[in-house]
Each structure stands twice: as structure tokens, then as C-alpha cells.
Amino acid sequence: MSHEVEILLVEDSPEDAELTIRALRRSNIANDIQVAEDGAEALDFLFCRGSHADRTFVQAPKLVLLDLKLPKVGGMEVLRAIRADERTKAIPVVVLTSSKEERDLIDGYKLGVNAYAQKPVDFAQFNQTVRQIGMFWMLVNQAPPPGAFPASSVLGAESDTATIME
């Protein structure tokens, strides 16, 4: 993979993933979106291992849109791994979930999520929510510059955090 991924969408629902991608693309917010269908795939992508071993940290996503209720590795564990590793902790993470659990909201912020949005059930509201998230994080927000990440990092090398999450 030689192109820069702007958004890593971690979503196990094919319908929600498709709606999210369509809303972002319709608003011309992101061209390169990578979808991970479970937490394990998200970690493999972020830490350049498994089927994503050909990636390097230079290709880190500008934003992670993270569902919480995921197979294999849950969203909170993905967030914990991102924030625990110096190479990924500066990547903005927005939880986009259908969870209404206050515990999820509290845990997400304690683990360092940048924003938490509940997926609206209404189609038009869902599109508007995704569009607003994309507009802010991709166009308004100043993305972390390369200096926010360790200079010598190449994610192809296993880290303690990445190994724990395998």
C-alpha cells in the first residue's frame, strides 16, 4: 500500500460502514478511507502487521473513526492500544457508536478519546453527524504534525503494546 490513508474506519456493520463512507465522500471530505471490520484488523493496520505488514508509520491515518462493539478485539481495547503506544497516541480518535452506555462514554474519555458521537438512527441525521465529524477533523482541525510522533518510528517493528493486543 503506497497511498496515505486519511481515515481508518473501524466498523463491523457493512451497512454503517457504507453509509459513513458515502457521507464522507459526498461531502468531499476524504478520498482514502480504510475499513477495518474488527478490532484485530484495526490493530494490524495501525501497527503494520499481519496483512498490513507492508505499511509503515509514515502512512498513519489522519483520523480513526472507532465503533465500540466490535468482534475479536473491542473498541475500548483498540483505543487503549492506540493511546499506550508513543507511535500512535497522537492520532485523533473519534468514537462513533450506537452505544448509549454512560460507562462507555466515561471509559472512552478516561482512555483519551478525542470525541464521542452516538450514531443517530435516522438516516438524514446519521449523514449530517458523519459529515460534521469529517468536516471538523479533516478540514478544520489541525492534524498532528510529524513532530508529534517519534522520529525513528516505523510501525513494522513490534511494540510491547502491539504484541499484547495480538
C-alpha atoms as a PDB file:
ATOM      1  CA  MET A   1       0.000   0.000   0.000  1.00  0.00           C
ATOM      2  CA  SER A   2       1.671   3.214  -1.091  1.00  0.00           C
ATOM      3  CA  HIS A   3      -1.019   5.839  -0.576  1.00  0.00           C
ATOM      4  CA  GLU A   4      -1.809   7.860   2.520  1.00  0.00           C
ATOM      5  CA  VAL A   5      -4.941   6.747   4.349  1.00  0.00           C
ATOM      6  CA  GLU A   6      -6.828   9.740   5.604  1.00  0.00           C
ATOM      7  CA  ILE A   7      -9.365   7.879   7.735  1.00  0.00           C
ATOM      8  CA  LEU A   8      -9.328   4.455   9.352  1.00  0.00           C
ATOM      9  CA  LEU A   9     -12.960   3.465   9.837  1.00  0.00           C
ATOM     10  CA  VAL A  10     -13.274   0.654  12.370  1.00  0.00           C
ATOM     11  CA  GLU A  11     -16.806  -0.661  11.868  1.00  0.00           C
ATOM     12  CA  ASP A  12     -18.181  -4.198  11.861  1.00  0.00           C
ATOM     13  CA  SER A  13     -21.545  -3.300  10.297  1.00  0.00           C
ATOM     14  CA  PRO A  14     -21.209  -3.249   6.489  1.00  0.00           C
ATOM     15  CA  GLU A  15     -24.298  -1.026   6.273  1.00  0.00           C
ATOM     16  CA  ASP A  16     -22.946   1.557   8.739  1.00  0.00           C
ATOM     17  CA  ALA A  17     -19.534   1.468   7.066  1.00  0.00           C
ATOM     18  CA  GLU A  18     -21.085   2.109   3.651  1.00  0.00           C
ATOM     19  CA  LEU A  19     -23.261   4.952   4.989  1.00  0.00           C
ATOM     20  CA  THR A  20     -20.257   6.542   6.686  1.00  0.00           C
ATOM     21  CA  ILE A  21     -18.079   6.315   3.580  1.00  0.00           C
ATOM     22  CA  ARG A  22     -20.840   7.710   1.364  1.00  0.00           C
ATOM     23  CA  ALA A  23     -21.455  10.643   3.731  1.00  0.00           C
ATOM     24  CA  LEU A  24     -17.741  11.499   3.836  1.00  0.00           C
ATOM     25  CA  ARG A  25     -17.230  11.185   0.091  1.00  0.00           C
ATOM     26  CA  ARG A  26     -20.425  13.054  -0.768  1.00  0.00           C
ATOM     27  CA  SER A  27     -19.059  15.973   1.232  1.00  0.00           C
ATOM     28  CA  ASN A  28     -15.627  15.678  -0.451  1.00  0.00           C
ATOM     29  CA  ILE A  29     -14.042  15.220   2.969  1.00  0.00           C
ATOM     30  CA  ALA A  30     -11.865  12.156   2.441  1.00  0.00           C
ATOM     31  CA  ASN A  31     -10.641  10.231  -0.558  1.00  0.00           C
ATOM     32  CA  ASP A  32      -8.645   7.463   1.086  1.00  0.00           C
ATOM     33  CA  ILE A  33     -10.641   5.533   3.663  1.00  0.00           C
ATOM     34  CA  GLN A  34      -9.503   2.176   5.024  1.00  0.00           C
ATOM     35  CA  VAL A  35     -12.140  -0.012   6.674  1.00  0.00           C
ATOM     36  CA  ALA A  36     -11.297  -2.469   9.437  1.00  0.00           C
ATOM     37  CA  GLU A  37     -14.167  -4.838  10.188  1.00  0.00           C
ATOM     38  CA  ASP A  38     -12.998  -5.756  13.685  1.00  0.00           C
ATOM     39  CA  GLY A  39     -10.615  -4.577  16.376  1.00  0.00           C
ATOM     40  CA  ALA A  40      -7.895  -7.079  15.495  1.00  0.00           C
ATOM     41  CA  GLU A  41      -7.789  -5.851  11.892  1.00  0.00           C
ATOM     42  CA  ALA A  42      -7.658  -2.243  13.114  1.00  0.00           C
ATOM     43  CA  LEU A  43      -4.651  -3.032  15.311  1.00  0.00           C
ATOM     44  CA  ASP A  44      -2.937  -4.908  12.472  1.00  0.00           C
ATOM     45  CA  PHE A  45      -3.442  -1.875  10.232  1.00  0.00           C
ATOM     46  CA  LEU A  46      -2.244   0.651  12.814  1.00  0.00           C
ATOM     47  CA  PHE A  47       0.748  -1.401  13.937  1.00  0.00           C
ATOM     48  CA  CYS A  48       1.700  -2.583  10.421  1.00  0.00           C
ATOM     49  CA  ARG A  49       1.484  -6.313  10.998  1.00  0.00           C
ATOM     50  CA  GLY A  50      -0.328  -9.298   9.537  1.00  0.00           C
ATOM     51  CA  SER A  51      -1.896  -8.473   6.178  1.00  0.00           C
ATOM     52  CA  HIS A  52      -0.770  -4.848   6.670  1.00  0.00           C
ATOM     53  CA  ALA A  53       2.910  -5.628   7.282  1.00  0.00           C
ATOM     54  CA  ASP A  54       3.819  -3.732   4.085  1.00  0.00           C
ATOM     55  CA  ARG A  55       2.747  -0.417   5.672  1.00  0.00           C
ATOM     56  CA  THR A  56       4.995   1.989   7.551  1.00  0.00           C
ATOM     57  CA  PHE A  57       4.198   4.575  10.161  1.00  0.00           C
ATOM     58  CA  VAL A  58       4.695   7.297   7.573  1.00  0.00           C
ATOM     59  CA  GLN A  59       1.261   6.229   6.330  1.00  0.00           C
ATOM     60  CA  ALA A  60      -0.553   6.736   9.667  1.00  0.00           C
ATOM     61  CA  PRO A  61      -4.201   7.757   9.281  1.00  0.00           C
ATOM     62  CA  LYS A  62      -5.164  11.347   9.995  1.00  0.00           C
ATOM     63  CA  LEU A  63      -8.241  10.147  11.898  1.00  0.00           C
ATOM     64  CA  VAL A  64      -9.634   6.935  13.378  1.00  0.00           C
ATOM     65  CA  LEU A  65     -13.420   6.580  13.485  1.00  0.00           C
ATOM     66  CA  LEU A  66     -13.949   3.821  16.036  1.00  0.00           C
ATOM     67  CA  ASP A  67     -17.024   1.761  16.808  1.00  0.00           C
ATOM     68  CA  LEU A  68     -17.004   0.206  20.279  1.00  0.00           C
ATOM     69  CA  LYS A  69     -18.929  -3.025  19.894  1.00  0.00           C
ATOM     70  CA  LEU A  70     -16.506  -4.963  17.704  1.00  0.00           C
ATOM     71  CA  PRO A  71     -15.706  -8.644  17.229  1.00  0.00           C
ATOM     72  CA  LYS A  72     -12.304 -10.125  18.181  1.00  0.00           C
ATOM     73  CA  VAL A  73     -10.945  -7.040  19.980  1.00  0.00           C
ATOM     74  CA  GLY A  74     -13.360  -4.453  21.386  1.00  0.00           C
ATOM     75  CA  GLY A  75     -13.205  -0.752  20.615  1.00  0.00           C
ATOM     76  CA  MET A  76     -12.013   0.200  24.099  1.00  0.00           C
ATOM     77  CA  GLU A  77      -9.073  -2.214  23.747  1.00  0.00           C
ATOM     78  CA  VAL A  78      -8.228  -0.683  20.370  1.00  0.00           C
ATOM     79  CA  LEU A  79      -8.328   2.783  21.931  1.00  0.00           C
ATOM     80  CA  ARG A  80      -6.213   1.604  24.865  1.00  0.00           C
ATOM     81  CA  ALA A  81      -3.573   0.220  22.461  1.00  0.00           C
ATOM     82  CA  ILE A  82      -3.521   3.413  20.375  1.00  0.00           C
ATOM     83  CA  ARG A  83      -3.050   5.628  23.413  1.00  0.00           C
ATOM     84  CA  ALA A  84      -0.487   3.340  25.074  1.00  0.00           C
ATOM     85  CA  ASP A  85       1.954   3.431  22.174  1.00  0.00           C
ATOM     86  CA  GLU A  86       4.121   6.508  21.579  1.00  0.00           C
ATOM     87  CA  ARG A  87       3.925   5.949  17.824  1.00  0.00           C
ATOM     88  CA  THR A  88       0.124   6.189  17.648  1.00  0.00           C
ATOM     89  CA  LYS A  89      -1.043   8.137  20.668  1.00  0.00           C
ATOM     90  CA  ALA A  90      -1.226  11.465  18.786  1.00  0.00           C
ATOM     91  CA  ILE A  91      -3.633  10.085  16.136  1.00  0.00           C
ATOM     92  CA  PRO A  92      -7.077  11.641  16.685  1.00  0.00           C
ATOM     93  CA  VAL A  93      -9.686   9.024  17.602  1.00  0.00           C
ATOM     94  CA  VAL A  94     -13.425   9.685  17.423  1.00  0.00           C
ATOM     95  CA  VAL A  95     -15.750   7.079  18.857  1.00  0.00           C
ATOM     96  CA  LEU A  96     -18.751   6.698  16.545  1.00  0.00           C
ATOM     97  CA  THR A  97     -21.043   4.149  18.122  1.00  0.00           C
ATOM     98  CA  SER A  98     -24.644   3.221  18.773  1.00  0.00           C
ATOM     99  CA  SER A  99     -23.821   2.630  22.446  1.00  0.00           C
ATOM    100  CA  LYS A 100     -25.853   4.686  24.875  1.00  0.00           C
ATOM    101  CA  GLU A 101     -23.978   3.314  27.882  1.00  0.00           C
ATOM    102  CA  GLU A 102     -22.655   6.048  30.170  1.00  0.00           C
ATOM    103  CA  ARG A 103     -19.869   3.666  31.187  1.00  0.00           C
ATOM    104  CA  ASP A 104     -18.634   3.619  27.564  1.00  0.00           C
ATOM    105  CA  LEU A 105     -18.590   7.412  27.473  1.00  0.00           C
ATOM    106  CA  ILE A 106     -16.684   7.631  30.769  1.00  0.00           C
ATOM    107  CA  ASP A 107     -14.217   4.890  29.825  1.00  0.00           C
ATOM    108  CA  GLY A 108     -13.647   6.391  26.381  1.00  0.00           C
ATOM    109  CA  TYR A 109     -12.700   9.774  27.768  1.00  0.00           C
ATOM    110  CA  LYS A 110     -10.557   8.251  30.509  1.00  0.00           C
ATOM    111  CA  LEU A 111      -8.640   6.368  27.812  1.00  0.00           C
ATOM    112  CA  GLY A 112      -8.090   9.559  25.808  1.00  0.00           C
ATOM    113  CA  VAL A 113     -10.676   9.576  23.033  1.00  0.00           C
ATOM    114  CA  ASN A 114     -10.778  12.941  21.237  1.00  0.00           C
ATOM    115  CA  ALA A 115     -14.539  12.931  20.707  1.00  0.00           C
ATOM    116  CA  TYR A 116     -17.518  10.651  21.264  1.00  0.00           C
ATOM    117  CA  ALA A 117     -20.573  10.663  18.991  1.00  0.00           C
ATOM    118  CA  GLN A 118     -23.612   8.462  19.144  1.00  0.00           C
ATOM    119  CA  LYS A 119     -24.835   7.181  15.771  1.00  0.00           C
ATOM    120  CA  PRO A 120     -28.281   8.592  15.053  1.00  0.00           C
ATOM    121  CA  VAL A 121     -30.883   6.059  13.937  1.00  0.00           C
ATOM    122  CA  ASP A 122     -32.384   8.487  11.414  1.00  0.00           C
ATOM    123  CA  PHE A 123     -30.654   8.285   8.017  1.00  0.00           C
ATOM    124  CA  ALA A 124     -30.513  12.061   7.428  1.00  0.00           C
ATOM    125  CA  GLN A 125     -29.232  12.713  10.941  1.00  0.00           C
ATOM    126  CA  PHE A 126     -26.615   9.961  10.543  1.00  0.00           C
ATOM    127  CA  ASN A 127     -25.348  11.593   7.344  1.00  0.00           C
ATOM    128  CA  GLN A 128     -25.274  15.014   8.996  1.00  0.00           C
ATOM    129  CA  THR A 129     -23.395  13.690  12.043  1.00  0.00           C
ATOM    130  CA  VAL A 130     -20.746  11.946   9.933  1.00  0.00           C
ATOM    131  CA  ARG A 131     -20.414  14.993   7.711  1.00  0.00           C
ATOM    132  CA  GLN A 132     -19.887  17.296  10.713  1.00  0.00           C
ATOM    133  CA  ILE A 133     -17.333  14.952  12.241  1.00  0.00           C
ATOM    134  CA  GLY A 134     -15.475  14.731   8.940  1.00  0.00           C
ATOM    135  CA  MET A 135     -15.606  18.488   8.331  1.00  0.00           C
ATOM    136  CA  PHE A 136     -14.137  19.255  11.732  1.00  0.00           C
ATOM    137  CA  TRP A 137     -11.465  16.555  11.966  1.00  0.00           C
ATOM    138  CA  MET A 138     -10.334  16.623   8.333  1.00  0.00           C
ATOM    139  CA  LEU A 139     -10.785  20.273   7.363  1.00  0.00           C
ATOM    140  CA  VAL A 140     -10.941  22.476  10.479  1.00  0.00           C
ATOM    141  CA  ASN A 141      -8.759  20.662  12.998  1.00  0.00           C
ATOM    142  CA  GLN A 142      -5.004  20.963  12.651  1.00  0.00           C
ATOM    143  CA  ALA A 143      -3.729  17.386  12.278  1.00  0.00           C
ATOM    144  CA  PRO A 144      -0.767  16.318  14.409  1.00  0.00           C
ATOM    145  CA  PRO A 145       2.436  17.222  12.554  1.00  0.00           C
ATOM    146  CA  PRO A 146       5.193  14.636  12.069  1.00  0.00           C
ATOM    147  CA  GLY A 147       6.942  16.037  15.154  1.00  0.00           C
ATOM    148  CA  ALA A 148       4.079  14.699  17.306  1.00  0.00           C
ATOM    149  CA  PHE A 149       5.284  11.172  16.574  1.00  0.00           C
ATOM    150  CA  PRO A 150       8.664   9.650  17.491  1.00  0.00           C
ATOM    151  CA  ALA A 151      11.117  10.446  14.710  1.00  0.00           C
ATOM    152  CA  SER A 152      12.556   6.958  14.388  1.00  0.00           C
ATOM    153  CA  SER A 153       9.261   5.077  14.471  1.00  0.00           C
ATOM    154  CA  VAL A 154       8.455   2.561  11.827  1.00  0.00           C
ATOM    155  CA  LEU A 155       5.424   0.556  12.828  1.00  0.00           C
ATOM    156  CA  GLY A 156       6.669  -2.551  11.138  1.00  0.00           C
ATOM    157  CA  ALA A 157       8.604  -3.319  14.324  1.00  0.00           C
ATOM    158  CA  GLU A 158       6.507  -4.939  17.019  1.00  0.00           C
ATOM    159  CA  SER A 159       5.945  -2.946  20.169  1.00  0.00           C
ATOM    160  CA  ASP A 160       5.076  -4.267  23.598  1.00  0.00           C
ATOM    161  CA  THR A 161       1.573  -2.830  23.260  1.00  0.00           C
ATOM    162  CA  ALA A 162       1.043  -4.229  19.800  1.00  0.00           C
ATOM    163  CA  THR A 163       2.247  -7.649  20.915  1.00  0.00           C
ATOM    164  CA  ILE A 164      -0.105  -7.659  23.913  1.00  0.00           C
ATOM    165  CA  MET A 165      -3.082  -6.967  21.649  1.00  0.00           C
ATOM    166  CA  GLU A 166      -2.372  -9.879  19.286  1.00  0.00           C
END
